[in-house]
PDB file of N, CA and C in Angstrom:
ATOM      1  N   MET A   1       0.618  -0.980  -0.260  1.00  0.00           N
ATOM      2  CA  MET A   1      -0.039  -0.019  -0.149  1.00  0.00           C
ATOM      3  C   MET A   1       0.676   1.041   0.197  1.00  0.00           C
ATOM      4  N   ASN A   2       0.169   2.078  -0.859  1.00  0.00           N
ATOM      5  CA  ASN A   2       0.785   3.080  -0.804  1.00  0.00           C
ATOM      6  C   ASN A   2       1.164   4.338   0.334  1.00  0.00           C
ATOM      7  N   ALA A   3       1.705   5.141   0.859  1.00  0.00           N
ATOM      8  CA  ALA A   3       1.342   6.067   2.340  1.00  0.00           C
ATOM      9  C   ALA A   3       0.027   6.729   1.987  1.00  0.00           C
ATOM     10  N   ASP A   4      -0.524   7.241   0.624  1.00  0.00           N
ATOM     11  CA  ASP A   4      -2.334   8.042   0.484  1.00  0.00           C
ATOM     12  C   ASP A   4      -2.757   6.735   0.706  1.00  0.00           C
ATOM     13  N   GLY A   5      -2.671   5.429   1.071  1.00  0.00           N
ATOM     14  CA  GLY A   5      -3.848   4.475   1.382  1.00  0.00           C
ATOM     15  C   GLY A   5      -3.983   3.849  -0.060  1.00  0.00           C
ATOM     16  N   SER A   6      -3.026   4.287  -1.221  1.00  0.00           N
ATOM     17  CA  SER A   6      -3.903   3.437  -2.965  1.00  0.00           C
ATOM     18  C   SER A   6      -2.845   2.720  -2.835  1.00  0.00           C
ATOM     19  N   ALA A   7      -3.330   1.900  -3.619  1.00  0.00           N
ATOM     20  CA  ALA A   7      -2.467   0.001  -4.139  1.00  0.00           C
ATOM     21  C   ALA A   7      -2.601  -0.351  -3.342  1.00  0.00           C
ATOM     22  N   GLN A   8      -3.988  -0.190  -2.026  1.00  0.00           N
ATOM     23  CA  GLN A   8      -4.019  -1.922  -1.307  1.00  0.00           C
ATOM     24  C   GLN A   8      -3.780  -2.942  -1.995  1.00  0.00           C
ATOM     25  N   THR A   9      -3.306  -4.098  -0.700  1.00  0.00           N
ATOM     26  CA  THR A   9      -3.159  -5.011  -1.524  1.00  0.00           C
ATOM     27  C   THR A   9      -3.792  -6.648  -0.232  1.00  0.00           C
ATOM     28  N   ARG A  10      -4.544  -6.940  -0.233  1.00  0.00           N
ATOM     29  CA  ARG A  10      -5.218  -8.069   0.590  1.00  0.00           C
ATOM     30  C   ARG A  10      -4.185  -9.280   1.070  1.00  0.00           C
ATOM     31  N   VAL A  11      -4.207  -8.768   1.996  1.00  0.00           N
ATOM     32  CA  VAL A  11      -2.891 -10.169   2.986  1.00  0.00           C
ATOM     33  C   VAL A  11      -3.034 -11.696   3.885  1.00  0.00           C
ATOM     34  N   THR A  12      -4.311 -11.425   4.142  1.00  0.00           N
ATOM     35  CA  THR A  12      -5.209 -12.386   4.475  1.00  0.00           C
ATOM     36  C   THR A  12      -6.260 -13.024   3.517  1.00  0.00           C
ATOM     37  N   ASN A  13      -7.139 -14.313   3.713  1.00  0.00           N
ATOM     38  CA  ASN A  13      -7.887 -14.917   3.130  1.00  0.00           C
ATOM     39  C   ASN A  13      -8.797 -16.104   3.670  1.00  0.00           C
ATOM     40  N   ASN A  14      -9.559 -15.478   4.028  1.00  0.00           N
ATOM     41  CA  ASN A  14     -10.392 -16.868   4.967  1.00  0.00           C
ATOM     42  C   ASN A  14     -11.810 -15.595   5.245  1.00  0.00           C
ATOM     43  N   LYS A  15     -12.692 -16.016   6.168  1.00  0.00           N
ATOM     44  CA  LYS A  15     -14.054 -15.368   5.391  1.00  0.00           C
ATOM     45  C   LYS A  15     -13.807 -15.175   6.868  1.00  0.00           C
ATOM     46  N   GLU A  16     -13.911 -15.167   8.380  1.00  0.00           N
ATOM     47  CA  GLU A  16     -13.631 -14.091   9.182  1.00  0.00           C
ATOM     48  C   GLU A  16     -12.909 -12.663   8.883  1.00  0.00           C
ATOM     49  N   ASP A  17     -12.905 -12.343   9.913  1.00  0.00           N
ATOM     50  CA  ASP A  17     -11.918 -10.642  10.388  1.00  0.00           C
ATOM     51  C   ASP A  17     -10.318 -10.920  10.746  1.00  0.00           C
ATOM     52  N   ASP A  18     -10.135 -10.171   9.712  1.00  0.00           N
ATOM     53  CA  ASP A  18      -8.672  -9.816  10.301  1.00  0.00           C
ATOM     54  C   ASP A  18      -8.548  -8.233  10.367  1.00  0.00           C
ATOM     55  N   PHE A  19      -7.566  -7.901  11.735  1.00  0.00           N
ATOM     56  CA  PHE A  19      -7.682  -6.659  11.323  1.00  0.00           C
ATOM     57  C   PHE A  19      -6.539  -6.253  12.655  1.00  0.00           C
ATOM     58  N   ARG A  20      -6.690  -5.085  12.484  1.00  0.00           N
ATOM     59  CA  ARG A  20      -5.348  -3.725  13.496  1.00  0.00           C
ATOM     60  C   ARG A  20      -3.945  -4.917  13.500  1.00  0.00           C
ATOM     61  N   GLY A  21      -3.738  -4.741  11.535  1.00  0.00           N
ATOM     62  CA  GLY A  21      -1.955  -5.436  11.775  1.00  0.00           C
ATOM     63  C   GLY A  21      -1.298  -4.808  12.057  1.00  0.00           C
ATOM     64  N   SER A  22       0.562  -5.169  12.540  1.00  0.00           N
ATOM     65  CA  SER A  22       1.237  -4.469  13.247  1.00  0.00           C
ATOM     66  C   SER A  22       2.368  -5.411  12.304  1.00  0.00           C
ATOM     67  N   TRP A  23       3.632  -3.862  11.708  1.00  0.00           N
ATOM     68  CA  TRP A  23       4.455  -4.495  10.701  1.00  0.00           C
ATOM     69  C   TRP A  23       5.468  -5.007  11.721  1.00  0.00           C
ATOM     70  N   SER A  24       5.947  -5.064  11.352  1.00  0.00           N
ATOM     71  CA  SER A  24       7.792  -6.073  11.888  1.00  0.00           C
ATOM     72  C   SER A  24       8.085  -5.360  11.878  1.00  0.00           C
ATOM     73  N   PRO A  25       9.659  -5.168  12.503  1.00  0.00           N
ATOM     74  CA  PRO A  25      10.089  -3.446  12.526  1.00  0.00           C
ATOM     75  C   PRO A  25      11.736  -3.953  11.135  1.00  0.00           C
ATOM     76  N   ASP A  26      11.271  -5.008  11.251  1.00  0.00           N
ATOM     77  CA  ASP A  26      12.476  -5.517  10.017  1.00  0.00           C
ATOM     78  C   ASP A  26      11.221  -5.645   7.941  1.00  0.00           C
ATOM     79  N   GLY A  27      10.159  -5.497   8.857  1.00  0.00           N
ATOM     80  CA  GLY A  27       9.540  -5.661   7.368  1.00  0.00           C
ATOM     81  C   GLY A  27       8.511  -6.639   6.781  1.00  0.00           C
ATOM     82  N   THR A  28       9.359  -7.695   7.045  1.00  0.00           N
ATOM     83  CA  THR A  28       8.918  -9.454   6.878  1.00  0.00           C
ATOM     84  C   THR A  28       7.716  -9.698   7.365  1.00  0.00           C
ATOM     85  N   GLN A  29       7.792  -9.062   8.046  1.00  0.00           N
ATOM     86  CA  GLN A  29       5.330 -10.382   9.187  1.00  0.00           C
ATOM     87  C   GLN A  29       4.932  -9.175   9.206  1.00  0.00           C
ATOM     88  N   ILE A  30       4.136  -9.857   9.544  1.00  0.00           N
ATOM     89  CA  ILE A  30       2.429  -8.630  10.534  1.00  0.00           C
ATOM     90  C   ILE A  30       1.949  -9.818  11.614  1.00  0.00           C
ATOM     91  N   VAL A  31       1.474  -8.286  12.770  1.00  0.00           N
ATOM     92  CA  VAL A  31       0.497  -9.532  13.349  1.00  0.00           C
ATOM     93  C   VAL A  31      -0.810  -8.797  13.376  1.00  0.00           C
ATOM     94  N   PHE A  32      -1.718 -10.108  13.771  1.00  0.00           N
ATOM     95  CA  PHE A  32      -3.157  -8.922  13.265  1.00  0.00           C
ATOM     96  C   PHE A  32      -4.144 -10.104  14.476  1.00  0.00           C
ATOM     97  N   ILE A  33      -4.620  -9.357  14.193  1.00  0.00           N
ATOM     98  CA  ILE A  33      -5.449 -10.153  15.163  1.00  0.00           C
ATOM     99  C   ILE A  33      -7.098 -10.231  14.405  1.00  0.00           C
ATOM    100  N   SER A  34      -7.581 -12.351  15.127  1.00  0.00           N
ATOM    101  CA  SER A  34      -8.164 -12.397  13.834  1.00  0.00           C
ATOM    102  C   SER A  34      -9.432 -12.963  14.556  1.00  0.00           C
ATOM    103  N   LEU A  35     -10.678 -13.364  13.629  1.00  0.00           N
ATOM    104  CA  LEU A  35     -12.066 -14.103  14.266  1.00  0.00           C
ATOM    105  C   LEU A  35     -12.189 -15.311  14.257  1.00  0.00           C
ATOM    106  N   ARG A  36     -10.936 -16.155  13.496  1.00  0.00           N
ATOM    107  CA  ARG A  36     -11.665 -16.949  12.546  1.00  0.00           C
ATOM    108  C   ARG A  36     -11.210 -18.125  13.392  1.00  0.00           C
ATOM    109  N   ASP A  37     -10.965 -18.136  14.838  1.00  0.00           N
ATOM    110  CA  ASP A  37     -11.237 -19.369  15.488  1.00  0.00           C
ATOM    111  C   ASP A  37     -12.215 -19.129  16.113  1.00  0.00           C
ATOM    112  N   GLY A  38     -13.123 -18.236  16.795  1.00  0.00           N
ATOM    113  CA  GLY A  38     -14.071 -18.285  16.968  1.00  0.00           C
ATOM    114  C   GLY A  38     -14.101 -16.585  18.381  1.00  0.00           C
ATOM    115  N   ASN A  39     -13.504 -16.011  18.781  1.00  0.00           N
ATOM    116  CA  ASN A  39     -12.827 -15.209  18.928  1.00  0.00           C
ATOM    117  C   ASN A  39     -12.334 -13.830  19.378  1.00  0.00           C
ATOM    118  N   ALA A  40     -11.109 -13.722  19.435  1.00  0.00           N
ATOM    119  CA  ALA A  40     -10.367 -12.851  18.723  1.00  0.00           C
ATOM    120  C   ALA A  40      -8.564 -13.046  19.081  1.00  0.00           C
ATOM    121  N   GLU A  41      -8.233 -14.073  18.456  1.00  0.00           N
ATOM    122  CA  GLU A  41      -6.655 -14.402  18.183  1.00  0.00           C
ATOM    123  C   GLU A  41      -5.860 -13.671  17.734  1.00  0.00           C
ATOM    124  N   ILE A  42      -4.504 -14.031  18.418  1.00  0.00           N
ATOM    125  CA  ILE A  42      -3.365 -13.136  17.333  1.00  0.00           C
ATOM    126  C   ILE A  42      -2.102 -13.802  16.982  1.00  0.00           C
ATOM    127  N   TYR A  43      -2.379 -13.507  15.730  1.00  0.00           N
ATOM    128  CA  TYR A  43      -1.489 -14.178  14.989  1.00  0.00           C
ATOM    129  C   TYR A  43      -0.654 -13.343  14.081  1.00  0.00           C
ATOM    130  N   ARG A  44       1.044 -14.103  13.889  1.00  0.00           N
ATOM    131  CA  ARG A  44       1.457 -13.770  13.105  1.00  0.00           C
ATOM    132  C   ARG A  44       1.732 -14.151  11.898  1.00  0.00           C
ATOM    133  N   MET A  45       2.080 -13.994  10.867  1.00  0.00           N
ATOM    134  CA  MET A  45       2.719 -13.932   9.397  1.00  0.00           C
ATOM    135  C   MET A  45       3.450 -13.334   8.270  1.00  0.00           C
ATOM    136  N   ASN A  46       4.234 -13.856   8.025  1.00  0.00           N
ATOM    137  CA  ASN A  46       5.460 -13.390   6.881  1.00  0.00           C
ATOM    138  C   ASN A  46       4.385 -12.041   5.804  1.00  0.00           C
ATOM    139  N   THR A  47       4.905 -11.230   4.903  1.00  0.00           N
ATOM    140  CA  THR A  47       3.868 -10.270   4.030  1.00  0.00           C
ATOM    141  C   THR A  47       3.764 -11.039   3.124  1.00  0.00           C
ATOM    142  N   ASP A  48       4.343 -11.955   2.881  1.00  0.00           N
ATOM    143  CA  ASP A  48       2.758 -12.527   1.437  1.00  0.00           C
ATOM    144  C   ASP A  48       2.448 -13.480   1.833  1.00  0.00           C
ATOM    145  N   ASP A  49       1.817 -13.784   2.938  1.00  0.00           N
ATOM    146  CA  ASP A  49       0.900 -14.446   2.777  1.00  0.00           C
ATOM    147  C   ASP A  49       0.931 -16.496   3.963  1.00  0.00           C
ATOM    148  N   SER A  50       2.400 -15.827   4.044  1.00  0.00           N
ATOM    149  CA  SER A  50       2.385 -17.315   4.155  1.00  0.00           C
ATOM    150  C   SER A  50       3.063 -18.126   5.359  1.00  0.00           C
ATOM    151  N   GLU A  51       3.404 -18.695   5.881  1.00  0.00           N
ATOM    152  CA  GLU A  51       3.351 -19.296   7.434  1.00  0.00           C
ATOM    153  C   GLU A  51       2.456 -18.409   8.748  1.00  0.00           C
ATOM    154  N   GLN A  52       1.230 -18.189   8.643  1.00  0.00           N
ATOM    155  CA  GLN A  52       0.607 -18.012   9.216  1.00  0.00           C
ATOM    156  C   GLN A  52       0.432 -18.652  10.560  1.00  0.00           C
ATOM    157  N   VAL A  53       0.997 -18.682  11.316  1.00  0.00           N
ATOM    158  CA  VAL A  53       1.378 -18.894  13.149  1.00  0.00           C
ATOM    159  C   VAL A  53      -0.257 -18.333  14.529  1.00  0.00           C
ATOM    160  N   ASN A  54      -1.022 -18.432  14.907  1.00  0.00           N
ATOM    161  CA  ASN A  54      -1.927 -18.721  16.105  1.00  0.00           C
ATOM    162  C   ASN A  54      -0.819 -18.694  17.063  1.00  0.00           C
ATOM    163  N   LEU A  55      -0.926 -17.416  17.840  1.00  0.00           N
ATOM    164  CA  LEU A  55       0.408 -16.980  18.751  1.00  0.00           C
ATOM    165  C   LEU A  55      -0.862 -17.254  19.694  1.00  0.00           C
ATOM    166  N   THR A  56      -2.356 -17.173  19.980  1.00  0.00           N
ATOM    167  CA  THR A  56      -2.664 -16.995  21.164  1.00  0.00           C
ATOM    168  C   THR A  56      -3.413 -18.063  21.093  1.00  0.00           C
ATOM    169  N   ASN A  57      -4.502 -18.091  22.361  1.00  0.00           N
ATOM    170  CA  ASN A  57      -5.336 -19.494  21.759  1.00  0.00           C
ATOM    171  C   ASN A  57      -5.873 -19.663  23.574  1.00  0.00           C
ATOM    172  N   SER A  58      -6.878 -18.380  23.642  1.00  0.00           N
ATOM    173  CA  SER A  58      -7.351 -18.263  25.447  1.00  0.00           C
ATOM    174  C   SER A  58      -8.779 -18.364  24.520  1.00  0.00           C
ATOM    175  N   GLY A  59      -9.942 -18.805  25.888  1.00  0.00           N
ATOM    176  CA  GLY A  59     -11.328 -18.349  25.856  1.00  0.00           C
ATOM    177  C   GLY A  59     -11.149 -16.888  25.994  1.00  0.00           C
ATOM    178  N   GLY A  60     -10.889 -15.946  26.357  1.00  0.00           N
ATOM    179  CA  GLY A  60     -10.645 -14.052  26.490  1.00  0.00           C
ATOM    180  C   GLY A  60     -10.585 -13.505  25.083  1.00  0.00           C
ATOM    181  N   GLN A  61     -10.598 -12.322  24.853  1.00  0.00           N
ATOM    182  CA  GLN A  61     -10.364 -11.823  23.452  1.00  0.00           C
ATOM    183  C   GLN A  61      -9.062 -11.030  23.104  1.00  0.00           C
ATOM    184  N   ASP A  62      -8.161 -11.749  22.555  1.00  0.00           N
ATOM    185  CA  ASP A  62      -6.835 -11.210  22.532  1.00  0.00           C
ATOM    186  C   ASP A  62      -6.206 -10.425  22.466  1.00  0.00           C
ATOM    187  N   VAL A  63      -6.318  -9.265  22.081  1.00  0.00           N
ATOM    188  CA  VAL A  63      -6.043  -7.774  21.136  1.00  0.00           C
ATOM    189  C   VAL A  63      -4.869  -6.920  22.219  1.00  0.00           C
ATOM    190  N   GLY A  64      -4.843  -6.622  21.071  1.00  0.00           N
ATOM    191  CA  GLY A  64      -3.084  -5.440  20.892  1.00  0.00           C
ATOM    192  C   GLY A  64      -1.959  -6.158  20.721  1.00  0.00           C
ATOM    193  N   PRO A  65      -1.558  -6.445  19.554  1.00  0.00           N
ATOM    194  CA  PRO A  65      -0.959  -7.076  18.963  1.00  0.00           C
ATOM    195  C   PRO A  65       0.503  -5.904  18.686  1.00  0.00           C
ATOM    196  N   ALA A  66       1.764  -6.197  19.118  1.00  0.00           N
ATOM    197  CA  ALA A  66       2.604  -5.342  18.813  1.00  0.00           C
ATOM    198  C   ALA A  66       3.937  -5.788  18.694  1.00  0.00           C
ATOM    199  N   TRP A  67       4.853  -4.840  18.018  1.00  0.00           N
ATOM    200  CA  TRP A  67       6.365  -5.706  18.528  1.00  0.00           C
ATOM    201  C   TRP A  67       6.850  -5.160  19.702  1.00  0.00           C
ATOM    202  N   GLN A  68       8.075  -5.344  19.858  1.00  0.00           N
ATOM    203  CA  GLN A  68       8.896  -5.431  20.580  1.00  0.00           C
ATOM    204  C   GLN A  68       9.955  -4.903  20.095  1.00  0.00           C
ATOM    205  N   PRO A  69      10.896  -3.414  20.870  1.00  0.00           N
ATOM    206  CA  PRO A  69      12.395  -3.197  20.306  1.00  0.00           C
ATOM    207  C   PRO A  69      12.883  -4.823  20.070  1.00  0.00           C
ATOM    208  N   THR A  70      13.846  -5.186  19.857  1.00  0.00           N
ATOM    209  CA  THR A  70      15.084  -6.124  20.419  1.00  0.00           C
ATOM    210  C   THR A  70      16.043  -5.101  20.769  1.00  0.00           C
ATOM    211  N   PHE A  71      16.036  -6.543  21.931  1.00  0.00           N
ATOM    212  CA  PHE A  71      17.250  -5.847  22.792  1.00  0.00           C
ATOM    213  C   PHE A  71      18.835  -6.242  22.472  1.00  0.00           C
ATOM    214  N   ARG A  72      19.516  -5.583  22.661  1.00  0.00           N
ATOM    215  CA  ARG A  72      20.817  -5.861  22.789  1.00  0.00           C
ATOM    216  C   ARG A  72      22.073  -6.065  23.584  1.00  0.00           C
ATOM    217  N   ALA A  73      22.342  -6.484  24.443  1.00  0.00           N
ATOM    218  CA  ALA A  73      23.338  -6.886  25.492  1.00  0.00           C
ATOM    219  C   ALA A  73      24.773  -6.230  25.596  1.00  0.00           C
ATOM    220  N   SER A  74      25.432  -5.264  26.022  1.00  0.00           N
ATOM    221  CA  SER A  74      26.477  -5.019  25.736  1.00  0.00           C
ATOM    222  C   SER A  74      27.958  -5.406  25.656  1.00  0.00           C
ATOM    223  N   PRO A  75      28.457  -5.110  24.887  1.00  0.00           N
ATOM    224  CA  PRO A  75      29.352  -5.795  25.499  1.00  0.00           C
ATOM    225  C   PRO A  75      30.436  -6.104  26.544  1.00  0.00           C
TER     226      PRO A  75
END
């Protein structure tokens, strides 16, 4: 997608909603919320729609996926 919102591309394809995506710092993955399991769960995937992985599995609503900065120890 362009910065102005044009040229959008669908990156998931299932009958339930996927939303609130967050790009990884290196731009290779996205975390997002999906309702495909009957309630809100957090998934991770590559930006080419491959390797979709469910990261949470609870009866509650899992929301707010975000990436954390990489920690690097001092030498």
